[in-house]
PDB file of N, CA and C in Angstrom:
ATOM      1  N   MET A   1     -38.121-151.872  76.724  1.00  0.00           N
ATOM      2  CA  MET A   1     -37.652-151.649  77.330  1.00  0.00           C
ATOM      3  C   MET A   1     -37.176-153.373  77.363  1.00  0.00           C
ATOM      4  N   ARG A   2     -35.503-153.635  77.351  1.00  0.00           N
ATOM      5  CA  ARG A   2     -35.303-154.992  77.394  1.00  0.00           C
ATOM      6  C   ARG A   2     -35.559-155.602  78.768  1.00  0.00           C
ATOM      7  N   ASP A   3     -35.812-157.230  78.675  1.00  0.00           N
ATOM      8  CA  ASP A   3     -35.769-158.235  80.267  1.00  0.00           C
ATOM      9  C   ASP A   3     -34.612-157.943  80.199  1.00  0.00           C
ATOM     10  N   SER A   4     -33.952-157.932  81.956  1.00  0.00           N
ATOM     11  CA  SER A   4     -33.003-157.989  81.954  1.00  0.00           C
ATOM     12  C   SER A   4     -32.273-159.454  81.891  1.00  0.00           C
ATOM     13  N   SER A   5     -33.028-160.496  82.489  1.00  0.00           N
ATOM     14  CA  SER A   5     -32.779-162.194  82.499  1.00  0.00           C
ATOM     15  C   SER A   5     -31.859-162.148  80.550  1.00  0.00           C
ATOM     16  N   VAL A   6     -32.812-161.624  80.162  1.00  0.00           N
ATOM     17  CA  VAL A   6     -32.753-162.700  78.515  1.00  0.00           C
ATOM     18  C   VAL A   6     -30.867-161.569  78.479  1.00  0.00           C
ATOM     19  N   THR A   7     -31.244-160.154  78.712  1.00  0.00           N
ATOM     20  CA  THR A   7     -29.595-159.613  78.879  1.00  0.00           C
ATOM     21  C   THR A   7     -28.392-161.096  79.272  1.00  0.00           C
ATOM     22  N   ASP A   8     -29.079-160.429  80.618  1.00  0.00           N
ATOM     23  CA  ASP A   8     -27.709-161.575  81.444  1.00  0.00           C
ATOM     24  C   ASP A   8     -27.198-162.748  80.204  1.00  0.00           C
ATOM     25  N   LYS A   9     -28.176-163.414  80.239  1.00  0.00           N
ATOM     26  CA  LYS A   9     -27.924-164.621  78.945  1.00  0.00           C
ATOM     27  C   LYS A   9     -27.418-164.825  78.108  1.00  0.00           C
ATOM     28  N   SER A  10     -27.930-163.464  77.742  1.00  0.00           N
ATOM     29  CA  SER A  10     -26.861-163.207  76.173  1.00  0.00           C
ATOM     30  C   SER A  10     -26.078-162.846  76.695  1.00  0.00           C
ATOM     31  N   SER A  11     -25.107-162.290  77.780  1.00  0.00           N
ATOM     32  CA  SER A  11     -24.196-162.181  78.121  1.00  0.00           C
ATOM     33  C   SER A  11     -23.469-163.143  78.001  1.00  0.00           C
ATOM     34  N   GLU A  12     -24.169-163.933  79.185  1.00  0.00           N
ATOM     35  CA  GLU A  12     -22.925-165.368  79.509  1.00  0.00           C
ATOM     36  C   GLU A  12     -23.093-165.942  78.975  1.00  0.00           C
ATOM     37  N   LYS A  13     -23.656-166.132  77.669  1.00  0.00           N
ATOM     38  CA  LYS A  13     -23.328-166.729  76.534  1.00  0.00           C
ATOM     39  C   LYS A  13     -22.649-166.235  75.236  1.00  0.00           C
ATOM     40  N   VAL A  14     -21.897-165.072  75.347  1.00  0.00           N
ATOM     41  CA  VAL A  14     -21.039-164.636  74.581  1.00  0.00           C
ATOM     42  C   VAL A  14     -19.977-165.142  75.584  1.00  0.00           C
ATOM     43  N   THR A  15     -19.825-165.058  76.983  1.00  0.00           N
ATOM     44  CA  THR A  15     -18.856-165.304  77.576  1.00  0.00           C
ATOM     45  C   THR A  15     -18.007-167.052  77.655  1.00  0.00           C
ATOM     46  N   GLU A  16     -19.253-167.830  78.310  1.00  0.00           N
ATOM     47  CA  GLU A  16     -18.817-168.781  77.223  1.00  0.00           C
ATOM     48  C   GLU A  16     -18.422-168.957  76.243  1.00  0.00           C
ATOM     49  N   ILE A  17     -18.569-168.576  74.966  1.00  0.00           N
ATOM     50  CA  ILE A  17     -17.650-168.543  73.387  1.00  0.00           C
ATOM     51  C   ILE A  17     -16.137-167.872  73.225  1.00  0.00           C
ATOM     52  N   ILE A  18     -16.646-166.425  73.933  1.00  0.00           N
ATOM     53  CA  ILE A  18     -15.302-166.315  73.884  1.00  0.00           C
ATOM     54  C   ILE A  18     -14.202-166.527  75.088  1.00  0.00           C
ATOM     55  N   LEU A  19     -14.926-167.489  76.149  1.00  0.00           N
ATOM     56  CA  LEU A  19     -13.776-168.481  76.930  1.00  0.00           C
ATOM     57  C   LEU A  19     -13.407-169.868  75.821  1.00  0.00           C
ATOM     58  N   ALA A  20     -14.802-170.317  75.506  1.00  0.00           N
ATOM     59  CA  ALA A  20     -13.996-171.129  75.078  1.00  0.00           C
ATOM     60  C   ALA A  20     -12.789-171.200  73.276  1.00  0.00           C
ATOM     61  N   THR A  21     -13.373-170.386  73.409  1.00  0.00           N
ATOM     62  CA  THR A  21     -12.638-170.068  71.830  1.00  0.00           C
ATOM     63  C   THR A  21     -11.343-169.162  72.250  1.00  0.00           C
ATOM     64  N   GLY A  22     -10.476-168.464  73.061  1.00  0.00           N
ATOM     65  CA  GLY A  22     -10.041-167.783  72.901  1.00  0.00           C
ATOM     66  C   GLY A  22      -9.436-166.824  72.458  1.00  0.00           C
ATOM     67  N   GLU A  23     -10.766-165.613  72.295  1.00  0.00           N
ATOM     68  CA  GLU A  23      -9.655-165.325  70.987  1.00  0.00           C
ATOM     69  C   GLU A  23     -10.535-164.098  71.964  1.00  0.00           C
ATOM     70  N   ARG A  24     -10.495-163.045  73.059  1.00  0.00           N
ATOM     71  CA  ARG A  24      -9.668-162.225  74.284  1.00  0.00           C
ATOM     72  C   ARG A  24      -9.953-162.722  75.045  1.00  0.00           C
ATOM     73  N   ASN A  25      -9.235-161.481  75.843  1.00  0.00           N
ATOM     74  CA  ASN A  25      -8.635-162.257  77.663  1.00  0.00           C
ATOM     75  C   ASN A  25     -10.035-161.515  78.132  1.00  0.00           C
ATOM     76  N   PHE A  26     -10.053-161.887  79.327  1.00  0.00           N
ATOM     77  CA  PHE A  26     -11.373-162.290  80.274  1.00  0.00           C
ATOM     78  C   PHE A  26     -10.910-160.627  81.202  1.00  0.00           C
ATOM     79  N   THR A  27     -11.508-160.647  82.443  1.00  0.00           N
ATOM     80  CA  THR A  27     -11.572-159.853  83.004  1.00  0.00           C
ATOM     81  C   THR A  27     -11.314-160.250  84.499  1.00  0.00           C
ATOM     82  N   ILE A  28     -10.755-159.750  85.242  1.00  0.00           N
ATOM     83  CA  ILE A  28     -11.195-160.442  86.805  1.00  0.00           C
ATOM     84  C   ILE A  28     -12.655-160.398  86.959  1.00  0.00           C
ATOM     85  N   ASP A  29     -12.951-159.158  86.789  1.00  0.00           N
ATOM     86  CA  ASP A  29     -14.409-159.582  87.492  1.00  0.00           C
ATOM     87  C   ASP A  29     -15.294-161.124  86.959  1.00  0.00           C
ATOM     88  N   THR A  30     -14.613-161.453  85.707  1.00  0.00           N
ATOM     89  CA  THR A  30     -15.252-162.867  84.723  1.00  0.00           C
ATOM     90  C   THR A  30     -14.852-163.773  85.881  1.00  0.00           C
ATOM     91  N   LEU A  31     -13.508-163.866  85.578  1.00  0.00           N
ATOM     92  CA  LEU A  31     -13.118-164.606  86.445  1.00  0.00           C
ATOM     93  C   LEU A  31     -13.682-165.006  88.017  1.00  0.00           C
ATOM     94  N   GLU A  32     -13.461-164.281  88.484  1.00  0.00           N
ATOM     95  CA  GLU A  32     -14.351-163.872  89.752  1.00  0.00           C
ATOM     96  C   GLU A  32     -15.689-164.339  90.126  1.00  0.00           C
ATOM     97  N   LYS A  33     -16.341-164.462  88.281  1.00  0.00           N
ATOM     98  CA  LYS A  33     -18.179-165.433  88.451  1.00  0.00           C
ATOM     99  C   LYS A  33     -18.076-166.737  87.891  1.00  0.00           C
ATOM    100  N   ILE A  34     -16.655-166.796  87.553  1.00  0.00           N
ATOM    101  CA  ILE A  34     -17.116-168.604  87.443  1.00  0.00           C
ATOM    102  C   ILE A  34     -15.941-169.160  88.307  1.00  0.00           C
ATOM    103  N   TYR A  35     -15.579-168.414  89.556  1.00  0.00           N
ATOM    104  CA  TYR A  35     -15.252-169.342  90.474  1.00  0.00           C
ATOM    105  C   TYR A  35     -15.859-169.515  90.982  1.00  0.00           C
ATOM    106  N   ALA A  36     -17.088-168.377  91.558  1.00  0.00           N
ATOM    107  CA  ALA A  36     -18.048-168.447  92.211  1.00  0.00           C
ATOM    108  C   ALA A  36     -19.014-169.350  90.915  1.00  0.00           C
ATOM    109  N   ALA A  37     -18.960-169.345  90.232  1.00  0.00           N
ATOM    110  CA  ALA A  37     -19.667-170.398  89.943  1.00  0.00           C
ATOM    111  C   ALA A  37     -19.732-171.967  89.964  1.00  0.00           C
ATOM    112  N   LEU A  38     -18.229-172.258  90.222  1.00  0.00           N
ATOM    113  CA  LEU A  38     -17.942-173.432  90.434  1.00  0.00           C
ATOM    114  C   LEU A  38     -17.575-173.381  91.598  1.00  0.00           C
ATOM    115  N   GLN A  39     -17.875-172.952  92.850  1.00  0.00           N
ATOM    116  CA  GLN A  39     -18.138-172.315  94.057  1.00  0.00           C
ATOM    117  C   GLN A  39     -16.013-173.091  94.099  1.00  0.00           C
ATOM    118  N   ILE A  40     -15.248-171.742  94.023  1.00  0.00           N
ATOM    119  CA  ILE A  40     -13.962-172.614  93.530  1.00  0.00           C
ATOM    120  C   ILE A  40     -13.095-170.823  94.975  1.00  0.00           C
ATOM    121  N   ASP A  41     -12.721-171.043  95.656  1.00  0.00           N
ATOM    122  CA  ASP A  41     -12.266-169.807  96.485  1.00  0.00           C
ATOM    123  C   ASP A  41     -10.474-169.752  95.529  1.00  0.00           C
ATOM    124  N   VAL A  42     -10.834-168.526  95.055  1.00  0.00           N
ATOM    125  CA  VAL A  42      -9.462-168.014  94.470  1.00  0.00           C
ATOM    126  C   VAL A  42      -8.214-168.547  95.089  1.00  0.00           C
ATOM    127  N   ALA A  43      -7.986-168.721  96.620  1.00  0.00           N
ATOM    128  CA  ALA A  43      -6.886-168.756  96.830  1.00  0.00           C
ATOM    129  C   ALA A  43      -6.338-170.185  97.207  1.00  0.00           C
ATOM    130  N   ASP A  44      -7.295-170.725  96.722  1.00  0.00           N
ATOM    131  CA  ASP A  44      -7.149-172.756  96.846  1.00  0.00           C
ATOM    132  C   ASP A  44      -6.289-172.571  95.660  1.00  0.00           C
ATOM    133  N   LEU A  45      -6.162-171.412  94.058  1.00  0.00           N
ATOM    134  CA  LEU A  45      -5.289-171.916  93.445  1.00  0.00           C
ATOM    135  C   LEU A  45      -3.894-172.179  93.506  1.00  0.00           C
ATOM    136  N   PHE A  46      -3.104-170.768  94.148  1.00  0.00           N
ATOM    137  CA  PHE A  46      -2.284-170.740  94.208  1.00  0.00           C
ATOM    138  C   PHE A  46      -1.816-171.182  96.045  1.00  0.00           C
ATOM    139  N   GLY A  47      -0.809-171.201  95.428  1.00  0.00           N
ATOM    140  CA  GLY A  47       0.096-171.633  96.172  1.00  0.00           C
ATOM    141  C   GLY A  47       0.148-172.506  97.074  1.00  0.00           C
ATOM    142  N   HIS A  48      -0.123-173.810  97.101  1.00  0.00           N
ATOM    143  CA  HIS A  48      -0.721-174.843  97.710  1.00  0.00           C
ATOM    144  C   HIS A  48      -1.795-175.864  96.923  1.00  0.00           C
ATOM    145  N   ASP A  49      -1.568-177.381  97.379  1.00  0.00           N
ATOM    146  CA  ASP A  49      -2.110-178.244  96.207  1.00  0.00           C
ATOM    147  C   ASP A  49      -3.773-177.886  97.065  1.00  0.00           C
ATOM    148  N   THR A  50      -4.581-178.188  96.572  1.00  0.00           N
ATOM    149  CA  THR A  50      -5.379-178.218  97.701  1.00  0.00           C
ATOM    150  C   THR A  50      -6.000-179.694  97.349  1.00  0.00           C
ATOM    151  N   VAL A  51      -5.334-180.872  97.296  1.00  0.00           N
ATOM    152  CA  VAL A  51      -5.778-182.371  97.864  1.00  0.00           C
ATOM    153  C   VAL A  51      -4.729-182.162  99.420  1.00  0.00           C
ATOM    154  N   LYS A  52      -6.044-182.873 100.254  1.00  0.00           N
ATOM    155  CA  LYS A  52      -4.732-183.625 102.206  1.00  0.00           C
ATOM    156  C   LYS A  52      -5.063-184.438 101.389  1.00  0.00           C
ATOM    157  N   ASN A  53      -4.070-185.527 102.351  1.00  0.00           N
ATOM    158  CA  ASN A  53      -4.170-185.794 102.806  1.00  0.00           C
ATOM    159  C   ASN A  53      -4.406-185.879 104.461  1.00  0.00           C
ATOM    160  N   LYS A  54      -5.011-187.664 104.338  1.00  0.00           N
ATOM    161  CA  LYS A  54      -5.606-187.528 106.339  1.00  0.00           C
ATOM    162  C   LYS A  54      -5.191-186.526 106.965  1.00  0.00           C
ATOM    163  N   ASP A  55      -3.925-187.410 107.539  1.00  0.00           N
ATOM    164  CA  ASP A  55      -2.787-186.112 108.062  1.00  0.00           C
ATOM    165  C   ASP A  55      -3.379-184.969 108.454  1.00  0.00           C
ATOM    166  N   GLU A  56      -2.899-183.978 107.532  1.00  0.00           N
ATOM    167  CA  GLU A  56      -2.387-182.982 107.156  1.00  0.00           C
ATOM    168  C   GLU A  56      -3.910-182.339 107.686  1.00  0.00           C
ATOM    169  N   VAL A  57      -5.099-183.135 106.942  1.00  0.00           N
ATOM    170  CA  VAL A  57      -6.359-183.065 107.262  1.00  0.00           C
ATOM    171  C   VAL A  57      -6.521-182.811 109.140  1.00  0.00           C
ATOM    172  N   ALA A  58      -5.937-183.185 109.501  1.00  0.00           N
ATOM    173  CA  ALA A  58      -5.576-184.120 110.717  1.00  0.00           C
ATOM    174  C   ALA A  58      -5.015-182.513 111.973  1.00  0.00           C
ATOM    175  N   ARG A  59      -3.928-182.303 111.146  1.00  0.00           N
ATOM    176  CA  ARG A  59      -3.289-181.728 111.992  1.00  0.00           C
ATOM    177  C   ARG A  59      -3.969-179.951 111.446  1.00  0.00           C
ATOM    178  N   GLN A  60      -4.301-179.717 111.161  1.00  0.00           N
ATOM    179  CA  GLN A  60      -5.145-178.325 110.620  1.00  0.00           C
ATOM    180  C   GLN A  60      -6.049-177.793 110.830  1.00  0.00           C
ATOM    181  N   GLN A  61      -7.516-179.669 111.189  1.00  0.00           N
ATOM    182  CA  GLN A  61      -8.830-179.602 112.329  1.00  0.00           C
ATOM    183  C   GLN A  61      -7.832-178.746 113.367  1.00  0.00           C
ATOM    184  N   ALA A  62      -6.662-179.169 114.254  1.00  0.00           N
ATOM    185  CA  ALA A  62      -6.104-179.679 115.329  1.00  0.00           C
ATOM    186  C   ALA A  62      -5.318-178.598 115.917  1.00  0.00           C
ATOM    187  N   THR A  63      -4.421-177.857 114.966  1.00  0.00           N
ATOM    188  CA  THR A  63      -3.978-176.309 114.568  1.00  0.00           C
ATOM    189  C   THR A  63      -5.463-175.215 114.985  1.00  0.00           C
ATOM    190  N   ASP A  64      -6.417-175.277 114.432  1.00  0.00           N
ATOM    191  CA  ASP A  64      -8.077-174.595 113.974  1.00  0.00           C
ATOM    192  C   ASP A  64      -8.105-174.718 114.957  1.00  0.00           C
ATOM    193  N   GLU A  65      -8.313-175.358 116.561  1.00  0.00           N
ATOM    194  CA  GLU A  65      -9.042-176.174 117.705  1.00  0.00           C
ATOM    195  C   GLU A  65      -8.132-175.229 118.574  1.00  0.00           C
ATOM    196  N   PHE A  66      -6.802-175.331 118.424  1.00  0.00           N
ATOM    197  CA  PHE A  66      -5.860-174.683 119.424  1.00  0.00           C
ATOM    198  C   PHE A  66      -6.226-173.655 119.287  1.00  0.00           C
ATOM    199  N   ILE A  67      -6.173-172.800 118.331  1.00  0.00           N
ATOM    200  CA  ILE A  67      -5.413-171.488 118.018  1.00  0.00           C
ATOM    201  C   ILE A  67      -7.545-170.963 118.948  1.00  0.00           C
ATOM    202  N   ALA A  68      -8.684-171.896 118.258  1.00  0.00           N
ATOM    203  CA  ALA A  68      -9.607-171.692 119.585  1.00  0.00           C
ATOM    204  C   ALA A  68      -9.222-171.453 121.069  1.00  0.00           C
ATOM    205  N   MET A  69      -8.675-172.521 121.199  1.00  0.00           N
ATOM    206  CA  MET A  69      -8.783-172.866 122.610  1.00  0.00           C
ATOM    207  C   MET A  69      -7.695-171.593 123.451  1.00  0.00           C
ATOM    208  N   ILE A  70      -7.083-171.394 122.702  1.00  0.00           N
ATOM    209  CA  ILE A  70      -5.971-170.391 122.983  1.00  0.00           C
ATOM    210  C   ILE A  70      -6.294-168.368 123.216  1.00  0.00           C
ATOM    211  N   SER A  71      -7.377-168.848 122.533  1.00  0.00           N
ATOM    212  CA  SER A  71      -7.653-167.249 121.706  1.00  0.00           C
ATOM    213  C   SER A  71      -8.064-166.185 123.111  1.00  0.00           C
ATOM    214  N   ASN A  72      -8.113-166.722 124.166  1.00  0.00           N
ATOM    215  CA  ASN A  72      -9.046-165.017 124.809  1.00  0.00           C
ATOM    216  C   ASN A  72      -7.436-165.402 126.230  1.00  0.00           C
ATOM    217  N   LEU A  73      -6.409-166.162 125.882  1.00  0.00           N
ATOM    218  CA  LEU A  73      -5.321-166.488 127.225  1.00  0.00           C
ATOM    219  C   LEU A  73      -4.386-165.057 126.691  1.00  0.00           C
ATOM    220  N   ASP A  74      -3.792-165.383 127.902  1.00  0.00           N
ATOM    221  CA  ASP A  74      -2.136-163.941 128.473  1.00  0.00           C
ATOM    222  C   ASP A  74      -1.657-164.965 127.946  1.00  0.00           C
ATOM    223  N   SER A  75      -0.063-163.863 127.768  1.00  0.00           N
ATOM    224  CA  SER A  75       1.091-164.607 127.368  1.00  0.00           C
ATOM    225  C   SER A  75       1.402-165.540 127.820  1.00  0.00           C
ATOM    226  N   ASN A  76       1.437-165.168 129.335  1.00  0.00           N
ATOM    227  CA  ASN A  76       1.723-166.613 130.330  1.00  0.00           C
ATOM    228  C   ASN A  76       1.120-167.896 130.039  1.00  0.00           C
ATOM    229  N   LYS A  77       0.214-167.462 130.039  1.00  0.00           N
ATOM    230  CA  LYS A  77      -0.477-168.848 129.813  1.00  0.00           C
ATOM    231  C   LYS A  77      -0.508-169.753 128.585  1.00  0.00           C
ATOM    232  N   ILE A  78      -0.097-168.877 127.970  1.00  0.00           N
ATOM    233  CA  ILE A  78       0.238-169.011 126.154  1.00  0.00           C
ATOM    234  C   ILE A  78       1.823-169.762 126.233  1.00  0.00           C
ATOM    235  N   GLU A  79       2.638-168.842 126.760  1.00  0.00           N
ATOM    236  CA  GLU A  79       3.801-169.672 127.313  1.00  0.00           C
ATOM    237  C   GLU A  79       3.994-171.020 127.678  1.00  0.00           C
ATOM    238  N   ILE A  80       3.288-171.389 128.771  1.00  0.00           N
ATOM    239  CA  ILE A  80       3.214-172.346 129.867  1.00  0.00           C
ATOM    240  C   ILE A  80       2.426-173.955 128.658  1.00  0.00           C
ATOM    241  N   ILE A  81       1.382-172.738 128.230  1.00  0.00           N
ATOM    242  CA  ILE A  81       0.596-174.507 126.984  1.00  0.00           C
ATOM    243  C   ILE A  81       1.544-174.682 126.440  1.00  0.00           C
ATOM    244  N   LYS A  82       2.735-173.507 125.458  1.00  0.00           N
ATOM    245  CA  LYS A  82       4.079-174.307 124.314  1.00  0.00           C
ATOM    246  C   LYS A  82       5.512-174.666 124.646  1.00  0.00           C
ATOM    247  N   ARG A  83       5.334-174.584 126.151  1.00  0.00           N
ATOM    248  CA  ARG A  83       5.997-175.252 127.141  1.00  0.00           C
ATOM    249  C   ARG A  83       5.802-177.259 127.043  1.00  0.00           C
ATOM    250  N   ILE A  84       4.103-177.297 127.563  1.00  0.00           N
ATOM    251  CA  ILE A  84       3.967-178.553 127.558  1.00  0.00           C
ATOM    252  C   ILE A  84       3.981-178.613 126.350  1.00  0.00           C
ATOM    253  N   ASN A  85       3.687-178.520 125.145  1.00  0.00           N
ATOM    254  CA  ASN A  85       3.494-178.781 124.073  1.00  0.00           C
ATOM    255  C   ASN A  85       5.083-179.392 122.960  1.00  0.00           C
ATOM    256  N   LYS A  86       5.817-178.562 123.261  1.00  0.00           N
ATOM    257  CA  LYS A  86       7.093-178.719 123.307  1.00  0.00           C
ATOM    258  C   LYS A  86       7.422-180.667 123.788  1.00  0.00           C
ATOM    259  N   GLU A  87       6.720-180.660 124.884  1.00  0.00           N
ATOM    260  CA  GLU A  87       7.437-181.951 125.984  1.00  0.00           C
ATOM    261  C   GLU A  87       6.420-182.767 125.266  1.00  0.00           C
ATOM    262  N   LEU A  88       5.375-182.454 125.300  1.00  0.00           N
ATOM    263  CA  LEU A  88       4.628-183.685 124.457  1.00  0.00           C
ATOM    264  C   LEU A  88       5.270-183.465 123.050  1.00  0.00           C
ATOM    265  N   ILE A  89       5.536-182.677 122.283  1.00  0.00           N
ATOM    266  CA  ILE A  89       6.140-183.707 120.633  1.00  0.00           C
ATOM    267  C   ILE A  89       7.557-184.479 120.773  1.00  0.00           C
ATOM    268  N   GLN A  90       8.007-184.162 121.850  1.00  0.00           N
ATOM    269  CA  GLN A  90       9.209-184.887 122.017  1.00  0.00           C
ATOM    270  C   GLN A  90       9.430-186.595 122.288  1.00  0.00           C
ATOM    271  N   ALA A  91       8.142-186.669 124.091  1.00  0.00           N
ATOM    272  CA  ALA A  91       7.820-187.908 124.304  1.00  0.00           C
ATOM    273  C   ALA A  91       7.233-188.078 123.280  1.00  0.00           C
ATOM    274  N   PHE A  92       6.268-187.707 121.477  1.00  0.00           N
ATOM    275  CA  PHE A  92       5.869-188.582 120.857  1.00  0.00           C
ATOM    276  C   PHE A  92       6.825-189.043 120.081  1.00  0.00           C
ATOM    277  N   ASN A  93       7.840-188.126 119.575  1.00  0.00           N
ATOM    278  CA  ASN A  93       8.611-188.602 119.039  1.00  0.00           C
ATOM    279  C   ASN A  93       9.794-189.768 119.265  1.00  0.00           C
ATOM    280  N   ASN A  94      10.225-189.403 120.457  1.00  0.00           N
ATOM    281  CA  ASN A  94      10.841-190.168 121.553  1.00  0.00           C
ATOM    282  C   ASN A  94      10.579-191.855 121.332  1.00  0.00           C
ATOM    283  N   ASN A  95       8.934-192.207 120.566  1.00  0.00           N
ATOM    284  CA  ASN A  95       8.810-193.543 121.057  1.00  0.00           C
ATOM    285  C   ASN A  95       8.138-193.630 119.422  1.00  0.00           C
TER     286      ASN A  95
END
C-alpha cells in the first residue's frame, strides 16, 4: 500500500514541472489549489485593481459600516438617511 503523502508530494512536483515548462494546460482545480496555497482570492484577479489607496480603503470601510448600520432599518428610515447623506455630501462639496 502506498503512502498517500508520498503520492501527494509526487503529484505536486509533477504539477510544478508542468506549470513551469508549460507542457500542458491545467485544470480549474489546479488553479484553485495554487490560489489557495498563495492565499489569493480568485475574484481579486478579475475586474479591478487590487492595490487601493488610502481614500479607496476609507470609502470601502465607510460603505461596509454604513450597510451594517442600516441593515435592520425599514425603507422609510433608509430614505431619510439617504436625504441626510445627500445634504452632507453637498455641504462637503461646497466647502
